[in-house]
């Protein structure tokens, strides 16, 4: 899975926050829209989170500092009916503590 160019530009700010806070607790949470069935959306949201987590590791973050989880279609940014494509719901949130 590829990270969009827009999202890739955010990696630097995530890395900066990680260094500034000397963080060893980073949450990477994948999300999906309601297009497709629930099982598929859970799997794709997991793949999104793993892709971003791997990108952080490639940039020097220790893998054991990163916890990846996913919500599938269960926590949308924009509420929609079932089977609606909403790109803003297809996202990964990164929290650096």
PDB file of N, CA and C in Angstrom:
ATOM      1  N   UNK A   1       0.855  -1.174   0.000  1.00  0.00           N
ATOM      2  CA  UNK A   1       0.000   0.000   0.000  1.00  0.00           C
ATOM      3  C   UNK A   1       0.897   1.230   0.000  1.00  0.00           C
ATOM      4  N   UNK A   2       0.577   2.187  -0.835  1.00  0.00           N
ATOM      5  CA  UNK A   2       1.364   3.401  -0.937  1.00  0.00           C
ATOM      6  C   UNK A   2       0.743   4.525  -0.129  1.00  0.00           C
ATOM      7  N   UNK A   3       1.606   5.342   0.427  1.00  0.00           N
ATOM      8  CA  UNK A   3       1.184   6.529   1.155  1.00  0.00           C
ATOM      9  C   UNK A   3       1.075   7.655   0.136  1.00  0.00           C
ATOM     10  N   UNK A   4       0.012   8.446   0.215  1.00  0.00           N
ATOM     11  CA  UNK A   4      -0.156   9.558  -0.726  1.00  0.00           C
ATOM     12  C   UNK A   4       0.957  10.582  -0.517  1.00  0.00           C
ATOM     13  N   UNK A   5       1.299  11.345  -1.564  1.00  0.00           N
ATOM     14  CA  UNK A   5       2.321  12.387  -1.412  1.00  0.00           C
ATOM     15  C   UNK A   5       1.978  13.381  -0.296  1.00  0.00           C
ATOM     16  N   UNK A   6       0.706  13.721  -0.181  1.00  0.00           N
ATOM     17  CA  UNK A   6       0.278  14.643   0.880  1.00  0.00           C
ATOM     18  C   UNK A   6       0.572  14.052   2.259  1.00  0.00           C
ATOM     19  N   UNK A   7       0.276  12.770   2.425  1.00  0.00           N
ATOM     20  CA  UNK A   7       0.523  12.110   3.708  1.00  0.00           C
ATOM     21  C   UNK A   7       2.017  11.937   3.970  1.00  0.00           C
ATOM     22  N   UNK A   8       2.767  11.644   2.924  1.00  0.00           N
ATOM     23  CA  UNK A   8       4.215  11.468   3.081  1.00  0.00           C
ATOM     24  C   UNK A   8       4.863  12.741   3.615  1.00  0.00           C
ATOM     25  N   UNK A   9       4.334  13.894   3.216  1.00  0.00           N
ATOM     26  CA  UNK A   9       4.878  15.164   3.706  1.00  0.00           C
ATOM     27  C   UNK A   9       4.647  15.326   5.211  1.00  0.00           C
ATOM     28  N   UNK A  10       3.645  14.659   5.746  1.00  0.00           N
ATOM     29  CA  UNK A  10       3.364  14.756   7.181  1.00  0.00           C
ATOM     30  C   UNK A  10       4.319  13.908   8.021  1.00  0.00           C
ATOM     31  N   UNK A  11       4.985  12.956   7.386  1.00  0.00           N
ATOM     32  CA  UNK A  11       5.902  12.070   8.115  1.00  0.00           C
ATOM     33  C   UNK A  11       6.981  12.876   8.821  1.00  0.00           C
ATOM     34  N   UNK A  12       7.514  13.911   8.158  1.00  0.00           N
ATOM     35  CA  UNK A  12       8.547  14.733   8.791  1.00  0.00           C
ATOM     36  C   UNK A  12       8.055  15.370  10.081  1.00  0.00           C
ATOM     37  N   UNK A  13       6.821  15.845  10.105  1.00  0.00           N
ATOM     38  CA  UNK A  13       6.299  16.459  11.337  1.00  0.00           C
ATOM     39  C   UNK A  13       6.073  15.406  12.423  1.00  0.00           C
ATOM     40  N   UNK A  14       5.710  14.197  12.022  1.00  0.00           N
ATOM     41  CA  UNK A  14       5.553  13.106  12.994  1.00  0.00           C
ATOM     42  C   UNK A  14       6.910  12.750  13.585  1.00  0.00           C
ATOM     43  N   UNK A  15       7.919  12.649  12.723  1.00  0.00           N
ATOM     44  CA  UNK A  15       9.268  12.341  13.199  1.00  0.00           C
ATOM     45  C   UNK A  15       9.790  13.437  14.119  1.00  0.00           C
ATOM     46  N   UNK A  16       9.514  14.679  13.765  1.00  0.00           N
ATOM     47  CA  UNK A  16       9.936  15.807  14.595  1.00  0.00           C
ATOM     48  C   UNK A  16       9.282  15.749  15.973  1.00  0.00           C
ATOM     49  N   UNK A  17       7.987  15.465  16.013  1.00  0.00           N
ATOM     50  CA  UNK A  17       7.282  15.361  17.298  1.00  0.00           C
ATOM     51  C   UNK A  17       7.826  14.206  18.124  1.00  0.00           C
ATOM     52  N   UNK A  18       8.153  13.106  17.451  1.00  0.00           N
ATOM     53  CA  UNK A  18       8.699  11.945  18.146  1.00  0.00           C
ATOM     54  C   UNK A  18      10.029  12.295  18.811  1.00  0.00           C
ATOM     55  N   UNK A  19      10.887  12.992  18.072  1.00  0.00           N
ATOM     56  CA  UNK A  19      12.194  13.387  18.612  1.00  0.00           C
ATOM     57  C   UNK A  19      12.047  14.430  19.715  1.00  0.00           C
ATOM     58  N   UNK A  20      11.207  15.423  19.480  1.00  0.00           N
ATOM     59  CA  UNK A  20      11.024  16.511  20.451  1.00  0.00           C
ATOM     60  C   UNK A  20      10.511  15.981  21.783  1.00  0.00           C
ATOM     61  N   UNK A  21       9.606  15.013  21.728  1.00  0.00           N
ATOM     62  CA  UNK A  21       9.014  14.465  22.955  1.00  0.00           C
ATOM     63  C   UNK A  21       9.784  13.266  23.489  1.00  0.00           C
ATOM     64  N   UNK A  22      10.829  12.874  22.756  1.00  0.00           N
ATOM     65  CA  UNK A  22      11.588  11.678  23.128  1.00  0.00           C
ATOM     66  C   UNK A  22      10.617  10.514  23.365  1.00  0.00           C
ATOM     67  N   UNK A  23       9.714  10.351  22.423  1.00  0.00           N
ATOM     68  CA  UNK A  23       8.590   9.439  22.590  1.00  0.00           C
ATOM     69  C   UNK A  23       8.942   7.982  22.346  1.00  0.00           C
ATOM     70  N   UNK A  24       8.382   7.146  23.178  1.00  0.00           N
ATOM     71  CA  UNK A  24       8.444   5.694  22.973  1.00  0.00           C
ATOM     72  C   UNK A  24       7.029   5.123  22.943  1.00  0.00           C
ATOM     73  N   UNK A  25       6.030   6.008  22.729  1.00  0.00           N
ATOM     74  CA  UNK A  25       4.623   5.612  22.708  1.00  0.00           C
ATOM     75  C   UNK A  25       3.922   6.308  21.541  1.00  0.00           C
ATOM     76  N   UNK A  26       3.846   5.591  20.418  1.00  0.00           N
ATOM     77  CA  UNK A  26       3.263   6.138  19.203  1.00  0.00           C
ATOM     78  C   UNK A  26       2.126   5.226  18.761  1.00  0.00           C
ATOM     79  N   UNK A  27       0.936   5.784  18.625  1.00  0.00           N
ATOM     80  CA  UNK A  27      -0.224   5.024  18.143  1.00  0.00           C
ATOM     81  C   UNK A  27      -0.459   5.350  16.681  1.00  0.00           C
ATOM     82  N   UNK A  28      -0.628   4.304  15.869  1.00  0.00           N
ATOM     83  CA  UNK A  28      -0.929   4.455  14.454  1.00  0.00           C
ATOM     84  C   UNK A  28      -2.236   3.708  14.224  1.00  0.00           C
ATOM     85  N   UNK A  29      -3.297   4.456  13.884  1.00  0.00           N
ATOM     86  CA  UNK A  29      -4.635   3.879  13.802  1.00  0.00           C
ATOM     87  C   UNK A  29      -5.187   4.041  12.384  1.00  0.00           C
ATOM     88  N   UNK A  30      -5.531   2.923  11.754  1.00  0.00           N
ATOM     89  CA  UNK A  30      -6.081   2.940  10.411  1.00  0.00           C
ATOM     90  C   UNK A  30      -7.600   3.012  10.423  1.00  0.00           C
ATOM     91  N   UNK A  31      -8.154   3.649   9.397  1.00  0.00           N
ATOM     92  CA  UNK A  31      -9.595   3.822   9.244  1.00  0.00           C
ATOM     93  C   UNK A  31      -9.997   3.549   7.800  1.00  0.00           C
ATOM     94  N   UNK A  32     -11.278   3.309   7.587  1.00  0.00           N
ATOM     95  CA  UNK A  32     -11.824   3.077   6.248  1.00  0.00           C
ATOM     96  C   UNK A  32     -13.185   3.748   6.131  1.00  0.00           C
ATOM     97  N   UNK A  33     -13.646   3.903   4.887  1.00  0.00           N
ATOM     98  CA  UNK A  33     -15.008   4.383   4.682  1.00  0.00           C
ATOM     99  C   UNK A  33     -15.959   3.186   4.672  1.00  0.00           C
ATOM    100  N   UNK A  34     -17.216   3.421   4.355  1.00  0.00           N
ATOM    101  CA  UNK A  34     -18.207   2.338   4.409  1.00  0.00           C
ATOM    102  C   UNK A  34     -18.384   1.618   3.081  1.00  0.00           C
ATOM    103  N   UNK A  35     -17.637   2.030   2.050  1.00  0.00           N
ATOM    104  CA  UNK A  35     -17.703   1.312   0.773  1.00  0.00           C
ATOM    105  C   UNK A  35     -17.099  -0.077   0.982  1.00  0.00           C
ATOM    106  N   UNK A  36     -17.756  -1.107   0.516  1.00  0.00           N
ATOM    107  CA  UNK A  36     -17.265  -2.468   0.739  1.00  0.00           C
ATOM    108  C   UNK A  36     -17.845  -3.043   2.013  1.00  0.00           C
ATOM    109  N   UNK A  37     -17.579  -4.327   2.222  1.00  0.00           N
ATOM    110  CA  UNK A  37     -18.132  -4.951   3.428  1.00  0.00           C
ATOM    111  C   UNK A  37     -17.236  -4.695   4.640  1.00  0.00           C
ATOM    112  N   UNK A  38     -17.779  -4.957   5.798  1.00  0.00           N
ATOM    113  CA  UNK A  38     -17.112  -4.634   7.053  1.00  0.00           C
ATOM    114  C   UNK A  38     -15.764  -5.341   7.214  1.00  0.00           C
ATOM    115  N   UNK A  39     -15.697  -6.622   6.820  1.00  0.00           N
ATOM    116  CA  UNK A  39     -14.451  -7.378   6.935  1.00  0.00           C
ATOM    117  C   UNK A  39     -13.360  -6.781   6.048  1.00  0.00           C
ATOM    118  N   UNK A  40     -13.716  -6.456   4.810  1.00  0.00           N
ATOM    119  CA  UNK A  40     -12.757  -5.842   3.892  1.00  0.00           C
ATOM    120  C   UNK A  40     -12.256  -4.516   4.463  1.00  0.00           C
ATOM    121  N   UNK A  41     -13.165  -3.702   4.984  1.00  0.00           N
ATOM    122  CA  UNK A  41     -12.783  -2.398   5.518  1.00  0.00           C
ATOM    123  C   UNK A  41     -11.872  -2.521   6.726  1.00  0.00           C
ATOM    124  N   UNK A  42     -12.082  -3.524   7.539  1.00  0.00           N
ATOM    125  CA  UNK A  42     -11.182  -3.754   8.667  1.00  0.00           C
ATOM    126  C   UNK A  42      -9.787  -4.119   8.164  1.00  0.00           C
ATOM    127  N   UNK A  43      -9.733  -4.994   7.181  1.00  0.00           N
ATOM    128  CA  UNK A  43      -8.433  -5.407   6.639  1.00  0.00           C
ATOM    129  C   UNK A  43      -7.695  -4.259   5.969  1.00  0.00           C
ATOM    130  N   UNK A  44      -8.408  -3.452   5.209  1.00  0.00           N
ATOM    131  CA  UNK A  44      -7.725  -2.340   4.525  1.00  0.00           C
ATOM    132  C   UNK A  44      -7.272  -1.279   5.522  1.00  0.00           C
ATOM    133  N   UNK A  45      -8.033  -1.062   6.573  1.00  0.00           N
ATOM    134  CA  UNK A  45      -7.607  -0.095   7.584  1.00  0.00           C
ATOM    135  C   UNK A  45      -6.378  -0.616   8.339  1.00  0.00           C
ATOM    136  N   UNK A  46      -6.298  -1.927   8.539  1.00  0.00           N
ATOM    137  CA  UNK A  46      -5.102  -2.523   9.142  1.00  0.00           C
ATOM    138  C   UNK A  46      -3.897  -2.328   8.238  1.00  0.00           C
ATOM    139  N   UNK A  47      -4.085  -2.554   6.941  1.00  0.00           N
ATOM    140  CA  UNK A  47      -2.985  -2.383   5.993  1.00  0.00           C
ATOM    141  C   UNK A  47      -2.510  -0.935   5.957  1.00  0.00           C
ATOM    142  N   UNK A  48      -3.434  -0.006   6.047  1.00  0.00           N
ATOM    143  CA  UNK A  48      -3.051   1.412   6.082  1.00  0.00           C
ATOM    144  C   UNK A  48      -2.179   1.709   7.301  1.00  0.00           C
ATOM    145  N   UNK A  49      -2.611   1.249   8.456  1.00  0.00           N
ATOM    146  CA  UNK A  49      -1.852   1.497   9.680  1.00  0.00           C
ATOM    147  C   UNK A  49      -0.469   0.850   9.610  1.00  0.00           C
ATOM    148  N   UNK A  50      -0.407  -0.377   9.124  1.00  0.00           N
ATOM    149  CA  UNK A  50       0.886  -1.065   9.009  1.00  0.00           C
ATOM    150  C   UNK A  50       1.809  -0.354   8.029  1.00  0.00           C
ATOM    151  N   UNK A  51       1.261   0.181   6.939  1.00  0.00           N
ATOM    152  CA  UNK A  51       2.081   0.904   5.957  1.00  0.00           C
ATOM    153  C   UNK A  51       2.707   2.149   6.573  1.00  0.00           C
ATOM    154  N   UNK A  52       1.930   2.897   7.328  1.00  0.00           N
ATOM    155  CA  UNK A  52       2.464   4.103   7.966  1.00  0.00           C
ATOM    156  C   UNK A  52       3.451   3.717   9.063  1.00  0.00           C
ATOM    157  N   UNK A  53       3.143   2.702   9.847  1.00  0.00           N
ATOM    158  CA  UNK A  53       4.075   2.237  10.866  1.00  0.00           C
ATOM    159  C   UNK A  53       5.405   1.812  10.255  1.00  0.00           C
ATOM    160  N   UNK A  54       5.356   1.094   9.148  1.00  0.00           N
ATOM    161  CA  UNK A  54       6.583   0.664   8.459  1.00  0.00           C
ATOM    162  C   UNK A  54       7.374   1.856   7.941  1.00  0.00           C
ATOM    163  N   UNK A  55       6.671   2.858   7.436  1.00  0.00           N
ATOM    164  CA  UNK A  55       7.343   4.062   6.956  1.00  0.00           C
ATOM    165  C   UNK A  55       8.073   4.772   8.094  1.00  0.00           C
ATOM    166  N   UNK A  56       7.455   4.815   9.258  1.00  0.00           N
ATOM    167  CA  UNK A  56       8.113   5.427  10.420  1.00  0.00           C
ATOM    168  C   UNK A  56       9.362   4.640  10.817  1.00  0.00           C
ATOM    169  N   UNK A  57       9.261   3.320  10.780  1.00  0.00           N
ATOM    170  CA  UNK A  57      10.418   2.475  11.106  1.00  0.00           C
ATOM    171  C   UNK A  57      11.543   2.713  10.095  1.00  0.00           C
ATOM    172  N   UNK A  58      11.197   2.803   8.813  1.00  0.00           N
ATOM    173  CA  UNK A  58      12.195   3.079   7.775  1.00  0.00           C
ATOM    174  C   UNK A  58      12.905   4.401   8.019  1.00  0.00           C
ATOM    175  N   UNK A  59      12.220   5.326   8.680  1.00  0.00           N
ATOM    176  CA  UNK A  59      12.793   6.639   8.964  1.00  0.00           C
ATOM    177  C   UNK A  59      13.501   6.689  10.322  1.00  0.00           C
ATOM    178  N   UNK A  60      13.624   5.530  10.986  1.00  0.00           N
ATOM    179  CA  UNK A  60      14.433   5.470  12.204  1.00  0.00           C
ATOM    180  C   UNK A  60      13.696   5.299  13.516  1.00  0.00           C
ATOM    181  N   UNK A  61      12.381   5.258  13.501  1.00  0.00           N
ATOM    182  CA  UNK A  61      11.634   5.041  14.748  1.00  0.00           C
ATOM    183  C   UNK A  61      11.715   3.560  15.115  1.00  0.00           C
ATOM    184  N   UNK A  62      11.975   3.280  16.376  1.00  0.00           N
ATOM    185  CA  UNK A  62      12.047   1.878  16.814  1.00  0.00           C
ATOM    186  C   UNK A  62      10.687   1.223  16.716  1.00  0.00           C
ATOM    187  N   UNK A  63      10.651   0.037  16.117  1.00  0.00           N
ATOM    188  CA  UNK A  63       9.380  -0.670  15.897  1.00  0.00           C
ATOM    189  C   UNK A  63       8.629  -0.884  17.210  1.00  0.00           C
ATOM    190  N   UNK A  64       9.329  -1.188  18.292  1.00  0.00           N
ATOM    191  CA  UNK A  64       8.625  -1.465  19.547  1.00  0.00           C
ATOM    192  C   UNK A  64       8.049  -0.207  20.200  1.00  0.00           C
ATOM    193  N   UNK A  65       8.304   0.964  19.624  1.00  0.00           N
ATOM    194  CA  UNK A  65       7.688   2.199  20.100  1.00  0.00           C
ATOM    195  C   UNK A  65       6.319   2.431  19.452  1.00  0.00           C
ATOM    196  N   UNK A  66       6.004   1.653  18.422  1.00  0.00           N
ATOM    197  CA  UNK A  66       4.810   1.882  17.610  1.00  0.00           C
ATOM    198  C   UNK A  66       3.761   0.812  17.883  1.00  0.00           C
ATOM    199  N   UNK A  67       2.549   1.259  18.152  1.00  0.00           N
ATOM    200  CA  UNK A  67       1.409   0.345  18.330  1.00  0.00           C
ATOM    201  C   UNK A  67       0.420   0.635  17.204  1.00  0.00           C
ATOM    202  N   UNK A  68       0.175  -0.371  16.356  1.00  0.00           N
ATOM    203  CA  UNK A  68      -0.770  -0.183  15.259  1.00  0.00           C
ATOM    204  C   UNK A  68      -2.088  -0.869  15.591  1.00  0.00           C
ATOM    205  N   UNK A  69      -3.164  -0.167  15.297  1.00  0.00           N
ATOM    206  CA  UNK A  69      -4.509  -0.708  15.463  1.00  0.00           C
ATOM    207  C   UNK A  69      -5.352  -0.203  14.297  1.00  0.00           C
ATOM    208  N   UNK A  70      -6.571  -0.694  14.221  1.00  0.00           N
ATOM    209  CA  UNK A  70      -7.461  -0.223  13.159  1.00  0.00           C
ATOM    210  C   UNK A  70      -8.901  -0.266  13.634  1.00  0.00           C
ATOM    211  N   UNK A  71      -9.697   0.583  13.029  1.00  0.00           N
ATOM    212  CA  UNK A  71     -11.110   0.684  13.374  1.00  0.00           C
ATOM    213  C   UNK A  71     -12.010   0.264  12.228  1.00  0.00           C
ATOM    214  N   UNK A  72     -11.425  -0.075  11.074  1.00  0.00           N
ATOM    215  CA  UNK A  72     -12.266  -0.380   9.927  1.00  0.00           C
ATOM    216  C   UNK A  72     -13.145   0.811   9.613  1.00  0.00           C
ATOM    217  N   UNK A  73     -14.416   0.556   9.413  1.00  0.00           N
ATOM    218  CA  UNK A  73     -15.372   1.639   9.124  1.00  0.00           C
ATOM    219  C   UNK A  73     -16.051   2.139  10.390  1.00  0.00           C
ATOM    220  N   UNK A  74     -15.604   1.660  11.552  1.00  0.00           N
ATOM    221  CA  UNK A  74     -16.301   1.904  12.805  1.00  0.00           C
ATOM    222  C   UNK A  74     -16.132   3.262  13.444  1.00  0.00           C
ATOM    223  N   UNK A  75     -15.221   4.085  12.956  1.00  0.00           N
ATOM    224  CA  UNK A  75     -14.999   5.384  13.582  1.00  0.00           C
ATOM    225  C   UNK A  75     -14.788   6.436  12.482  1.00  0.00           C
ATOM    226  N   UNK A  76     -15.837   6.726  11.711  1.00  0.00           N
ATOM    227  CA  UNK A  76     -15.665   7.633  10.580  1.00  0.00           C
ATOM    228  C   UNK A  76     -15.467   9.084  11.010  1.00  0.00           C
ATOM    229  N   UNK A  77     -14.678   9.786  10.239  1.00  0.00           N
ATOM    230  CA  UNK A  77     -14.522  11.224  10.423  1.00  0.00           C
ATOM    231  C   UNK A  77     -15.780  11.932   9.927  1.00  0.00           C
ATOM    232  N   UNK A  78     -16.305  11.444   8.795  1.00  0.00           N
ATOM    233  CA  UNK A  78     -17.519  11.979   8.176  1.00  0.00           C
ATOM    234  C   UNK A  78     -18.556  10.860   8.171  1.00  0.00           C
ATOM    235  N   UNK A  79     -19.649  11.044   8.865  1.00  0.00           N
ATOM    236  CA  UNK A  79     -20.699  10.019   8.906  1.00  0.00           C
ATOM    237  C   UNK A  79     -21.370   9.909   7.537  1.00  0.00           C
ATOM    238  N   UNK A  80     -21.535   8.666   7.075  1.00  0.00           N
ATOM    239  CA  UNK A  80     -22.205   8.409   5.799  1.00  0.00           C
ATOM    240  C   UNK A  80     -23.107   7.190   5.949  1.00  0.00           C
ATOM    241  N   UNK A  81     -23.941   6.990   4.956  1.00  0.00           N
ATOM    242  CA  UNK A  81     -24.723   5.761   4.880  1.00  0.00           C
ATOM    243  C   UNK A  81     -23.772   4.614   4.541  1.00  0.00           C
ATOM    244  N   UNK A  82     -24.240   3.387   4.641  1.00  0.00           N
ATOM    245  CA  UNK A  82     -23.441   2.225   4.284  1.00  0.00           C
ATOM    246  C   UNK A  82     -23.150   2.226   2.779  1.00  0.00           C
ATOM    247  N   UNK A  83     -21.991   1.700   2.430  1.00  0.00           N
ATOM    248  CA  UNK A  83     -21.543   1.581   1.036  1.00  0.00           C
ATOM    249  C   UNK A  83     -21.351   2.923   0.331  1.00  0.00           C
ATOM    250  N   UNK A  84     -20.904   3.922   1.079  1.00  0.00           N
ATOM    251  CA  UNK A  84     -20.615   5.237   0.508  1.00  0.00           C
ATOM    252  C   UNK A  84     -19.110   5.475   0.574  1.00  0.00           C
ATOM    253  N   UNK A  85     -18.547   5.818  -0.568  1.00  0.00           N
ATOM    254  CA  UNK A  85     -17.131   6.155  -0.624  1.00  0.00           C
ATOM    255  C   UNK A  85     -16.935   7.577  -0.098  1.00  0.00           C
ATOM    256  N   UNK A  86     -16.104   7.720   0.919  1.00  0.00           N
ATOM    257  CA  UNK A  86     -15.793   9.034   1.481  1.00  0.00           C
ATOM    258  C   UNK A  86     -14.289   9.065   1.755  1.00  0.00           C
ATOM    259  N   UNK A  87     -13.509   9.677   0.869  1.00  0.00           N
ATOM    260  CA  UNK A  87     -12.055   9.664   0.987  1.00  0.00           C
ATOM    261  C   UNK A  87     -11.523  10.158   2.333  1.00  0.00           C
ATOM    262  N   UNK A  88     -12.203  11.089   2.964  1.00  0.00           N
ATOM    263  CA  UNK A  88     -11.704  11.594   4.255  1.00  0.00           C
ATOM    264  C   UNK A  88     -11.793  10.555   5.365  1.00  0.00           C
ATOM    265  N   UNK A  89     -12.594   9.513   5.167  1.00  0.00           N
ATOM    266  CA  UNK A  89     -12.665   8.432   6.149  1.00  0.00           C
ATOM    267  C   UNK A  89     -11.563   7.399   5.938  1.00  0.00           C
ATOM    268  N   UNK A  90     -10.936   7.419   4.784  1.00  0.00           N
ATOM    269  CA  UNK A  90      -9.833   6.495   4.469  1.00  0.00           C
ATOM    270  C   UNK A  90      -8.551   7.165   4.907  1.00  0.00           C
ATOM    271  N   UNK A  91      -8.177   6.937   6.148  1.00  0.00           N
ATOM    272  CA  UNK A  91      -7.079   7.708   6.728  1.00  0.00           C
ATOM    273  C   UNK A  91      -6.329   6.903   7.776  1.00  0.00           C
ATOM    274  N   UNK A  92      -5.206   7.449   8.198  1.00  0.00           N
ATOM    275  CA  UNK A  92      -4.438   6.929   9.326  1.00  0.00           C
ATOM    276  C   UNK A  92      -4.188   8.096  10.267  1.00  0.00           C
ATOM    277  N   UNK A  93      -4.469   7.862  11.527  1.00  0.00           N
ATOM    278  CA  UNK A  93      -4.177   8.865  12.550  1.00  0.00           C
ATOM    279  C   UNK A  93      -2.953   8.406  13.332  1.00  0.00           C
ATOM    280  N   UNK A  94      -2.050   9.344  13.579  1.00  0.00           N
ATOM    281  CA  UNK A  94      -0.847   9.046  14.347  1.00  0.00           C
ATOM    282  C   UNK A  94      -0.853   9.941  15.575  1.00  0.00           C
ATOM    283  N   UNK A  95      -0.708   9.327  16.742  1.00  0.00           N
ATOM    284  CA  UNK A  95      -0.649  10.057  18.000  1.00  0.00           C
ATOM    285  C   UNK A  95       0.712   9.782  18.629  1.00  0.00           C
ATOM    286  N   UNK A  96       1.446  10.864  18.900  1.00  0.00           N
ATOM    287  CA  UNK A  96       2.751  10.760  19.524  1.00  0.00           C
ATOM    288  C   UNK A  96       2.619  11.269  20.945  1.00  0.00           C
ATOM    289  N   UNK A  97       2.889  10.380  21.891  1.00  0.00           N
ATOM    290  CA  UNK A  97       2.784  10.762  23.322  1.00  0.00           C
ATOM    291  C   UNK A  97       4.161  10.924  23.908  1.00  0.00           C
TER     292      UNK A  97
END
